[in-house]
Amino acid sequence: MKSELLARSPLLILPLCALFLFLVVFLTVLFVTMKRRAPAYDPVARLPFEGDERGGGERS
């Protein structure tokens, strides 16, 4: 009885819409990430080292 009620429920479209939205966003981010070339990431890769005048990894 419970499975029949759930099978006929109009609310089942909501999880399917959420899954579809997740897949669209995930695939878009994946595509944009894979489309960029390695030199485009160089400025971001150097961010942790900028402004590090002391060197040596010491913390005060």
Protein backbone atom coordinates (compact mmCIF):
# COMPACT_ATOMS: atom_id res chain seq x y z
CA MET A 1 0.00 0.00 0.00
CA LYS A 2 2.76 2.42 0.93
CA SER A 3 4.68 1.67 -2.26
CA GLU A 4 1.58 2.33 -4.37
CA LEU A 5 1.08 5.68 -2.66
CA LEU A 6 4.70 6.64 -3.24
CA ALA A 7 4.60 5.50 -6.87
CA ARG A 8 1.63 7.79 -7.60
CA SER A 9 2.93 10.78 -5.68
CA PRO A 10 3.52 13.93 -7.76
CA LEU A 11 6.39 14.84 -5.39
CA LEU A 12 8.65 12.23 -6.99
CA ILE A 13 9.56 14.77 -9.65
CA LEU A 14 11.45 16.91 -7.10
CA PRO A 15 14.30 14.44 -6.43
CA LEU A 16 14.60 13.81 -10.15
CA CYS A 17 14.86 17.55 -10.82
CA ALA A 18 17.50 17.87 -8.10
CA LEU A 19 19.48 14.98 -9.61
CA PHE A 20 19.25 16.52 -13.08
CA LEU A 21 20.35 19.93 -11.78
CA PHE A 22 23.29 18.35 -9.94
CA LEU A 23 24.39 16.48 -13.07
CA VAL A 24 24.17 19.61 -15.22
CA VAL A 25 26.22 21.68 -12.76
CA PHE A 26 28.75 18.90 -12.19
CA LEU A 27 29.27 18.25 -15.89
CA THR A 28 29.55 21.98 -16.62
CA VAL A 29 32.23 22.45 -13.96
CA LEU A 30 34.03 19.35 -15.20
CA PHE A 31 33.94 20.57 -18.80
CA VAL A 32 35.16 24.08 -17.94
CA THR A 33 37.94 22.65 -15.76
CA MET A 34 39.13 20.22 -18.41
CA LYS A 35 38.89 22.81 -21.19
CA ARG A 36 41.40 25.19 -19.56
CA ARG A 37 45.03 24.61 -20.37
CA ALA A 38 47.78 24.23 -17.76
CA PRO A 39 49.22 27.77 -18.27
CA ALA A 40 45.87 29.22 -17.23
CA TYR A 41 46.37 27.68 -13.77
CA ASP A 42 49.94 28.98 -13.26
CA PRO A 43 48.94 32.25 -11.52
CA VAL A 44 46.68 30.34 -9.15
CA ALA A 45 49.34 27.70 -8.51
CA ARG A 46 51.82 30.40 -7.43
CA LEU A 47 49.43 32.05 -4.94
CA PRO A 48 50.66 30.14 -1.86
CA PHE A 49 54.21 31.34 -2.51
CA GLU A 50 53.51 35.03 -3.16
CA GLY A 51 54.34 37.37 -0.33
CA ASP A 52 56.48 34.79 1.45
CA GLU A 53 59.61 36.88 2.09
CA ARG A 54 60.83 34.97 5.14
CA GLY A 55 61.01 31.55 3.57
CA GLY A 56 61.80 28.38 5.47
CA GLY A 57 58.18 27.68 6.38
CA GLU A 58 58.54 29.08 9.91
CA ARG A 59 55.55 30.35 11.78
CA SER A 60 55.63 32.97 14.46
